[in-house]
């Protein structure tokens, strides 16, 4: 599943979601040579260096959405109209 992350600075990064648990996401970003782990802390996703990260978009290759596999993730994202 493709993911677009947005940092507090406004920087956007596109990547692939590799793994999901209720309080962690593992993502590989196009611009990094390593994976990135995000942790859920007080209803915010925080990167390994302490930056707040918003999950701007989740793009699946089919009809199945992330909310089917991980309902809380869907609740923490927002669509273009929000």
PDB file of N, CA and C in Angstrom:
ATOM      1  N   UNK A   1       0.836  -1.158   0.000  1.00  0.00           N
ATOM      2  CA  UNK A   1       0.000   0.000   0.000  1.00  0.00           C
ATOM      3  C   UNK A   1       0.893   1.237   0.000  1.00  0.00           C
ATOM      4  N   UNK A   2       0.588   2.176  -0.866  1.00  0.00           N
ATOM      5  CA  UNK A   2       1.344   3.430  -0.942  1.00  0.00           C
ATOM      6  C   UNK A   2       0.862   4.375   0.150  1.00  0.00           C
ATOM      7  N   UNK A   3       1.784   5.195   0.640  1.00  0.00           N
ATOM      8  CA  UNK A   3       1.455   6.158   1.682  1.00  0.00           C
ATOM      9  C   UNK A   3       2.134   7.487   1.355  1.00  0.00           C
ATOM     10  N   UNK A   4       1.442   8.581   1.676  1.00  0.00           N
ATOM     11  CA  UNK A   4       2.039   9.907   1.576  1.00  0.00           C
ATOM     12  C   UNK A   4       2.046  10.496   2.980  1.00  0.00           C
ATOM     13  N   UNK A   5       3.228  10.858   3.447  1.00  0.00           N
ATOM     14  CA  UNK A   5       3.400  11.438   4.776  1.00  0.00           C
ATOM     15  C   UNK A   5       3.623  12.939   4.629  1.00  0.00           C
ATOM     16  N   UNK A   6       3.093  13.684   5.587  1.00  0.00           N
ATOM     17  CA  UNK A   6       3.340  15.130   5.601  1.00  0.00           C
ATOM     18  C   UNK A   6       3.902  15.507   6.957  1.00  0.00           C
ATOM     19  N   UNK A   7       5.059  16.161   6.937  1.00  0.00           N
ATOM     20  CA  UNK A   7       5.734  16.592   8.157  1.00  0.00           C
ATOM     21  C   UNK A   7       5.244  17.985   8.552  1.00  0.00           C
ATOM     22  N   UNK A   8       5.496  18.371   9.795  1.00  0.00           N
ATOM     23  CA  UNK A   8       5.092  19.687  10.298  1.00  0.00           C
ATOM     24  C   UNK A   8       5.624  20.824   9.426  1.00  0.00           C
ATOM     25  N   UNK A   9       6.775  20.630   8.840  1.00  0.00           N
ATOM     26  CA  UNK A   9       7.394  21.646   7.986  1.00  0.00           C
ATOM     27  C   UNK A   9       6.655  21.827   6.666  1.00  0.00           C
ATOM     28  N   UNK A  10       5.735  20.893   6.356  1.00  0.00           N
ATOM     29  CA  UNK A  10       5.037  20.920   5.079  1.00  0.00           C
ATOM     30  C   UNK A  10       5.634  19.976   4.054  1.00  0.00           C
ATOM     31  N   UNK A  11       6.813  19.442   4.346  1.00  0.00           N
ATOM     32  CA  UNK A  11       7.475  18.486   3.448  1.00  0.00           C
ATOM     33  C   UNK A  11       6.611  17.236   3.312  1.00  0.00           C
ATOM     34  N   UNK A  12       6.465  16.750   2.098  1.00  0.00           N
ATOM     35  CA  UNK A  12       5.726  15.519   1.829  1.00  0.00           C
ATOM     36  C   UNK A  12       6.694  14.451   1.349  1.00  0.00           C
ATOM     37  N   UNK A  13       6.416  13.215   1.749  1.00  0.00           N
ATOM     38  CA  UNK A  13       7.247  12.093   1.333  1.00  0.00           C
ATOM     39  C   UNK A  13       6.341  10.928   0.949  1.00  0.00           C
ATOM     40  N   UNK A  14       6.663  10.292  -0.156  1.00  0.00           N
ATOM     41  CA  UNK A  14       5.887   9.166  -0.646  1.00  0.00           C
ATOM     42  C   UNK A  14       6.644   7.875  -0.389  1.00  0.00           C
ATOM     43  N   UNK A  15       5.904   6.833  -0.001  1.00  0.00           N
ATOM     44  CA  UNK A  15       6.556   5.566   0.262  1.00  0.00           C
ATOM     45  C   UNK A  15       5.590   4.396   0.216  1.00  0.00           C
ATOM     46  N   UNK A  16       6.072   3.283   0.724  1.00  0.00           N
ATOM     47  CA  UNK A  16       5.301   2.045   0.772  1.00  0.00           C
ATOM     48  C   UNK A  16       5.161   1.637   2.231  1.00  0.00           C
ATOM     49  N   UNK A  17       3.934   1.318   2.632  1.00  0.00           N
ATOM     50  CA  UNK A  17       3.664   0.847   3.978  1.00  0.00           C
ATOM     51  C   UNK A  17       4.050  -0.628   4.045  1.00  0.00           C
ATOM     52  N   UNK A  18       4.999  -0.943   4.923  1.00  0.00           N
ATOM     53  CA  UNK A  18       5.506  -2.315   5.026  1.00  0.00           C
ATOM     54  C   UNK A  18       4.839  -3.117   6.127  1.00  0.00           C
ATOM     55  N   UNK A  19       4.593  -2.466   7.268  1.00  0.00           N
ATOM     56  CA  UNK A  19       4.035  -3.176   8.420  1.00  0.00           C
ATOM     57  C   UNK A  19       3.212  -2.226   9.274  1.00  0.00           C
ATOM     58  N   UNK A  20       2.170  -2.775   9.895  1.00  0.00           N
ATOM     59  CA  UNK A  20       1.279  -1.979  10.736  1.00  0.00           C
ATOM     60  C   UNK A  20       0.960  -2.755  12.004  1.00  0.00           C
ATOM     61  N   UNK A  21       1.080  -2.084  13.149  1.00  0.00           N
ATOM     62  CA  UNK A  21       0.569  -2.584  14.423  1.00  0.00           C
ATOM     63  C   UNK A  21      -0.278  -1.452  15.003  1.00  0.00           C
ATOM     64  N   UNK A  22      -1.010  -1.684  16.079  1.00  0.00           N
ATOM     65  CA  UNK A  22      -1.851  -0.609  16.617  1.00  0.00           C
ATOM     66  C   UNK A  22      -1.107   0.670  16.978  1.00  0.00           C
ATOM     67  N   UNK A  23       0.192   0.578  17.291  1.00  0.00           N
ATOM     68  CA  UNK A  23       0.913   1.785  17.692  1.00  0.00           C
ATOM     69  C   UNK A  23       2.194   2.051  16.907  1.00  0.00           C
ATOM     70  N   UNK A  24       2.406   1.325  15.811  1.00  0.00           N
ATOM     71  CA  UNK A  24       3.613   1.522  15.001  1.00  0.00           C
ATOM     72  C   UNK A  24       3.319   1.300  13.524  1.00  0.00           C
ATOM     73  N   UNK A  25       4.018   2.060  12.706  1.00  0.00           N
ATOM     74  CA  UNK A  25       4.002   1.877  11.252  1.00  0.00           C
ATOM     75  C   UNK A  25       5.440   1.766  10.782  1.00  0.00           C
ATOM     76  N   UNK A  26       5.689   0.880   9.853  1.00  0.00           N
ATOM     77  CA  UNK A  26       7.008   0.806   9.229  1.00  0.00           C
ATOM     78  C   UNK A  26       6.805   1.138   7.759  1.00  0.00           C
ATOM     79  N   UNK A  27       7.559   2.133   7.293  1.00  0.00           N
ATOM     80  CA  UNK A  27       7.412   2.669   5.941  1.00  0.00           C
ATOM     81  C   UNK A  27       8.778   2.736   5.293  1.00  0.00           C
ATOM     82  N   UNK A  28       8.831   2.448   4.007  1.00  0.00           N
ATOM     83  CA  UNK A  28      10.048   2.705   3.241  1.00  0.00           C
ATOM     84  C   UNK A  28       9.718   3.884   2.328  1.00  0.00           C
ATOM     85  N   UNK A  29      10.549   4.929   2.413  1.00  0.00           N
ATOM     86  CA  UNK A  29      10.340   6.144   1.631  1.00  0.00           C
ATOM     87  C   UNK A  29      11.269   6.159   0.435  1.00  0.00           C
ATOM     88  N   UNK A  30      10.809   6.742  -0.659  1.00  0.00           N
ATOM     89  CA  UNK A  30      11.619   6.805  -1.877  1.00  0.00           C
ATOM     90  C   UNK A  30      12.945   7.507  -1.630  1.00  0.00           C
ATOM     91  N   UNK A  31      12.936   8.528  -0.771  1.00  0.00           N
ATOM     92  CA  UNK A  31      14.145   9.337  -0.583  1.00  0.00           C
ATOM     93  C   UNK A  31      15.122   8.782   0.442  1.00  0.00           C
ATOM     94  N   UNK A  32      14.751   7.729   1.148  1.00  0.00           N
ATOM     95  CA  UNK A  32      15.644   7.142   2.155  1.00  0.00           C
ATOM     96  C   UNK A  32      16.204   5.821   1.663  1.00  0.00           C
ATOM     97  N   UNK A  33      17.323   5.452   2.210  1.00  0.00           N
ATOM     98  CA  UNK A  33      17.910   4.147   1.902  1.00  0.00           C
ATOM     99  C   UNK A  33      17.632   3.158   3.018  1.00  0.00           C
ATOM    100  N   UNK A  34      16.706   3.504   3.894  1.00  0.00           N
ATOM    101  CA  UNK A  34      16.354   2.664   5.036  1.00  0.00           C
ATOM    102  C   UNK A  34      14.864   2.816   5.301  1.00  0.00           C
ATOM    103  N   UNK A  35      14.348   2.005   6.211  1.00  0.00           N
ATOM    104  CA  UNK A  35      12.942   2.135   6.564  1.00  0.00           C
ATOM    105  C   UNK A  35      12.773   3.161   7.678  1.00  0.00           C
ATOM    106  N   UNK A  36      11.563   3.655   7.806  1.00  0.00           N
ATOM    107  CA  UNK A  36      11.208   4.636   8.819  1.00  0.00           C
ATOM    108  C   UNK A  36      10.149   4.018   9.712  1.00  0.00           C
ATOM    109  N   UNK A  37      10.322   4.161  11.020  1.00  0.00           N
ATOM    110  CA  UNK A  37       9.307   3.680  11.949  1.00  0.00           C
ATOM    111  C   UNK A  37       8.600   4.872  12.573  1.00  0.00           C
ATOM    112  N   UNK A  38       7.277   4.859  12.516  1.00  0.00           N
ATOM    113  CA  UNK A  38       6.458   5.875  13.161  1.00  0.00           C
ATOM    114  C   UNK A  38       5.772   5.243  14.352  1.00  0.00           C
ATOM    115  N   UNK A  39       5.697   5.981  15.463  1.00  0.00           N
ATOM    116  CA  UNK A  39       5.026   5.486  16.668  1.00  0.00           C
ATOM    117  C   UNK A  39       3.855   6.398  16.994  1.00  0.00           C
ATOM    118  N   UNK A  40       2.772   5.786  17.435  1.00  0.00           N
ATOM    119  CA  UNK A  40       1.609   6.546  17.836  1.00  0.00           C
ATOM    120  C   UNK A  40       1.790   6.971  19.287  1.00  0.00           C
ATOM    121  N   UNK A  41       1.759   8.284  19.522  1.00  0.00           N
ATOM    122  CA  UNK A  41       1.940   8.841  20.855  1.00  0.00           C
ATOM    123  C   UNK A  41       0.905   9.952  21.040  1.00  0.00           C
ATOM    124  N   UNK A  42      -0.005   9.763  21.981  1.00  0.00           N
ATOM    125  CA  UNK A  42      -1.063  10.743  22.260  1.00  0.00           C
ATOM    126  C   UNK A  42      -1.808  11.139  20.988  1.00  0.00           C
ATOM    127  N   UNK A  43      -2.238  10.129  20.227  1.00  0.00           N
ATOM    128  CA  UNK A  43      -3.017  10.300  18.995  1.00  0.00           C
ATOM    129  C   UNK A  43      -2.282  11.037  17.880  1.00  0.00           C
ATOM    130  N   UNK A  44      -0.958  11.039  17.914  1.00  0.00           N
ATOM    131  CA  UNK A  44      -0.150  11.632  16.839  1.00  0.00           C
ATOM    132  C   UNK A  44       0.928  10.635  16.439  1.00  0.00           C
ATOM    133  N   UNK A  45       1.235  10.592  15.145  1.00  0.00           N
ATOM    134  CA  UNK A  45       2.324   9.768  14.661  1.00  0.00           C
ATOM    135  C   UNK A  45       3.612  10.556  14.788  1.00  0.00           C
ATOM    136  N   UNK A  46       4.612   9.934  15.403  1.00  0.00           N
ATOM    137  CA  UNK A  46       5.896  10.577  15.666  1.00  0.00           C
ATOM    138  C   UNK A  46       6.993   9.760  14.979  1.00  0.00           C
ATOM    139  N   UNK A  47       7.886  10.456  14.262  1.00  0.00           N
ATOM    140  CA  UNK A  47       8.997   9.777  13.594  1.00  0.00           C
ATOM    141  C   UNK A  47      10.102   9.445  14.595  1.00  0.00           C
ATOM    142  N   UNK A  48      11.091   8.720  14.139  1.00  0.00           N
ATOM    143  CA  UNK A  48      12.197   8.304  14.995  1.00  0.00           C
ATOM    144  C   UNK A  48      12.970   9.488  15.555  1.00  0.00           C
ATOM    145  N   UNK A  49      12.977  10.619  14.829  1.00  0.00           N
ATOM    146  CA  UNK A  49      13.689  11.800  15.317  1.00  0.00           C
ATOM    147  C   UNK A  49      12.786  12.767  16.090  1.00  0.00           C
ATOM    148  N   UNK A  50      11.552  12.337  16.390  1.00  0.00           N
ATOM    149  CA  UNK A  50      10.651  13.141  17.218  1.00  0.00           C
ATOM    150  C   UNK A  50       9.742  14.087  16.463  1.00  0.00           C
ATOM    151  N   UNK A  51       9.789  14.084  15.143  1.00  0.00           N
ATOM    152  CA  UNK A  51       8.938  14.969  14.344  1.00  0.00           C
ATOM    153  C   UNK A  51       7.523  14.406  14.254  1.00  0.00           C
ATOM    154  N   UNK A  52       6.545  15.294  14.324  1.00  0.00           N
ATOM    155  CA  UNK A  52       5.149  14.909  14.150  1.00  0.00           C
ATOM    156  C   UNK A  52       4.889  14.691  12.661  1.00  0.00           C
ATOM    157  N   UNK A  53       4.241  13.575  12.332  1.00  0.00           N
ATOM    158  CA  UNK A  53       4.001  13.205  10.940  1.00  0.00           C
ATOM    159  C   UNK A  53       2.519  12.909  10.761  1.00  0.00           C
ATOM    160  N   UNK A  54       1.928  13.459   9.725  1.00  0.00           N
ATOM    161  CA  UNK A  54       0.534  13.181   9.402  1.00  0.00           C
ATOM    162  C   UNK A  54       0.483  12.223   8.228  1.00  0.00           C
ATOM    163  N   UNK A  55      -0.409  11.256   8.307  1.00  0.00           N
ATOM    164  CA  UNK A  55      -0.616  10.348   7.190  1.00  0.00           C
ATOM    165  C   UNK A  55      -1.609  11.047   6.273  1.00  0.00           C
ATOM    166  N   UNK A  56      -1.096  11.596   5.198  1.00  0.00           N
ATOM    167  CA  UNK A  56      -1.921  12.395   4.304  1.00  0.00           C
ATOM    168  C   UNK A  56      -2.768  11.530   3.388  1.00  0.00           C
ATOM    169  N   UNK A  57      -2.215  10.396   2.940  1.00  0.00           N
ATOM    170  CA  UNK A  57      -2.971   9.535   2.029  1.00  0.00           C
ATOM    171  C   UNK A  57      -2.495   8.102   2.136  1.00  0.00           C
ATOM    172  N   UNK A  58      -3.438   7.196   1.986  1.00  0.00           N
ATOM    173  CA  UNK A  58      -3.159   5.768   1.842  1.00  0.00           C
ATOM    174  C   UNK A  58      -3.791   5.350   0.525  1.00  0.00           C
ATOM    175  N   UNK A  59      -3.000   4.749  -0.346  1.00  0.00           N
ATOM    176  CA  UNK A  59      -3.479   4.398  -1.673  1.00  0.00           C
ATOM    177  C   UNK A  59      -3.286   2.911  -1.878  1.00  0.00           C
ATOM    178  N   UNK A  60      -4.386   2.208  -2.012  1.00  0.00           N
ATOM    179  CA  UNK A  60      -4.314   0.770  -2.179  1.00  0.00           C
ATOM    180  C   UNK A  60      -4.398   0.430  -3.658  1.00  0.00           C
ATOM    181  N   UNK A  61      -3.916  -0.728  -4.014  1.00  0.00           N
ATOM    182  CA  UNK A  61      -3.940  -1.150  -5.402  1.00  0.00           C
ATOM    183  C   UNK A  61      -5.255  -1.763  -5.828  1.00  0.00           C
ATOM    184  N   UNK A  62      -6.184  -1.934  -4.878  1.00  0.00           N
ATOM    185  CA  UNK A  62      -7.460  -2.552  -5.217  1.00  0.00           C
ATOM    186  C   UNK A  62      -8.593  -1.904  -4.467  1.00  0.00           C
ATOM    187  N   UNK A  63      -9.681  -2.643  -4.325  1.00  0.00           N
ATOM    188  CA  UNK A  63     -10.865  -2.093  -3.670  1.00  0.00           C
ATOM    189  C   UNK A  63     -10.767  -2.119  -2.155  1.00  0.00           C
ATOM    190  N   UNK A  64      -9.857  -2.893  -1.605  1.00  0.00           N
ATOM    191  CA  UNK A  64      -9.727  -3.009  -0.163  1.00  0.00           C
ATOM    192  C   UNK A  64      -9.075  -1.757   0.397  1.00  0.00           C
ATOM    193  N   UNK A  65      -9.639  -1.216   1.455  1.00  0.00           N
ATOM    194  CA  UNK A  65      -9.057  -0.024   2.073  1.00  0.00           C
ATOM    195  C   UNK A  65      -8.323  -0.411   3.343  1.00  0.00           C
ATOM    196  N   UNK A  66      -7.491   0.498   3.815  1.00  0.00           N
ATOM    197  CA  UNK A  66      -6.727   0.251   5.034  1.00  0.00           C
ATOM    198  C   UNK A  66      -7.646   0.075   6.232  1.00  0.00           C
ATOM    199  N   UNK A  67      -8.795   0.738   6.224  1.00  0.00           N
ATOM    200  CA  UNK A  67      -9.710   0.668   7.365  1.00  0.00           C
ATOM    201  C   UNK A  67     -10.198  -0.755   7.611  1.00  0.00           C
ATOM    202  N   UNK A  68     -10.256  -1.578   6.591  1.00  0.00           N
ATOM    203  CA  UNK A  68     -10.670  -2.970   6.770  1.00  0.00           C
ATOM    204  C   UNK A  68      -9.643  -3.706   7.627  1.00  0.00           C
ATOM    205  N   UNK A  69      -8.359  -3.456   7.380  1.00  0.00           N
ATOM    206  CA  UNK A  69      -7.299  -4.132   8.101  1.00  0.00           C
ATOM    207  C   UNK A  69      -6.948  -3.444   9.412  1.00  0.00           C
ATOM    208  N   UNK A  70      -7.128  -2.131   9.456  1.00  0.00           N
ATOM    209  CA  UNK A  70      -6.660  -1.368  10.600  1.00  0.00           C
ATOM    210  C   UNK A  70      -7.576  -0.160  10.813  1.00  0.00           C
ATOM    211  N   UNK A  71      -8.735  -0.359  11.444  1.00  0.00           N
ATOM    212  CA  UNK A  71      -9.729   0.712  11.575  1.00  0.00           C
ATOM    213  C   UNK A  71      -9.186   1.982  12.227  1.00  0.00           C
ATOM    214  N   UNK A  72      -8.312   1.880  13.208  1.00  0.00           N
ATOM    215  CA  UNK A  72      -7.799   3.073  13.890  1.00  0.00           C
ATOM    216  C   UNK A  72      -6.969   3.940  12.950  1.00  0.00           C
ATOM    217  N   UNK A  73      -6.262   3.339  12.036  1.00  0.00           N
ATOM    218  CA  UNK A  73      -5.470   4.092  11.069  1.00  0.00           C
ATOM    219  C   UNK A  73      -6.377   4.972  10.227  1.00  0.00           C
ATOM    220  N   UNK A  74      -7.489   4.414   9.775  1.00  0.00           N
ATOM    221  CA  UNK A  74      -8.433   5.184   8.981  1.00  0.00           C
ATOM    222  C   UNK A  74      -8.957   6.388   9.749  1.00  0.00           C
ATOM    223  N   UNK A  75      -9.160   6.244  11.042  1.00  0.00           N
ATOM    224  CA  UNK A  75      -9.691   7.339  11.846  1.00  0.00           C
ATOM    225  C   UNK A  75      -8.665   8.445  12.053  1.00  0.00           C
ATOM    226  N   UNK A  76      -7.396   8.139  11.891  1.00  0.00           N
ATOM    227  CA  UNK A  76      -6.352   9.137  12.119  1.00  0.00           C
ATOM    228  C   UNK A  76      -5.895   9.821  10.842  1.00  0.00           C
ATOM    229  N   UNK A  77      -6.521   9.489   9.734  1.00  0.00           N
ATOM    230  CA  UNK A  77      -6.191  10.148   8.478  1.00  0.00           C
ATOM    231  C   UNK A  77      -7.346  11.036   8.074  1.00  0.00           C
ATOM    232  N   UNK A  78      -7.092  11.928   7.144  1.00  0.00           N
ATOM    233  CA  UNK A  78      -8.183  12.755   6.646  1.00  0.00           C
ATOM    234  C   UNK A  78      -8.095  12.875   5.137  1.00  0.00           C
ATOM    235  N   UNK A  79      -9.248  13.020   4.518  1.00  0.00           N
ATOM    236  CA  UNK A  79      -9.313  13.113   3.075  1.00  0.00           C
ATOM    237  C   UNK A  79      -9.095  14.525   2.592  1.00  0.00           C
ATOM    238  N   UNK A  80      -9.112  14.714   1.296  1.00  0.00           N
ATOM    239  CA  UNK A  80      -8.850  16.012   0.696  1.00  0.00           C
ATOM    240  C   UNK A  80      -9.905  17.045   1.091  1.00  0.00           C
ATOM    241  N   UNK A  81     -11.126  16.621   1.394  1.00  0.00           N
ATOM    242  CA  UNK A  81     -12.189  17.547   1.749  1.00  0.00           C
ATOM    243  C   UNK A  81     -12.168  17.986   3.195  1.00  0.00           C
ATOM    244  N   UNK A  82     -11.273  17.432   4.022  1.00  0.00           N
ATOM    245  CA  UNK A  82     -11.238  17.772   5.459  1.00  0.00           C
ATOM    246  C   UNK A  82     -10.269  18.866   5.748  1.00  0.00           C
TER     247      UNK A  82
END
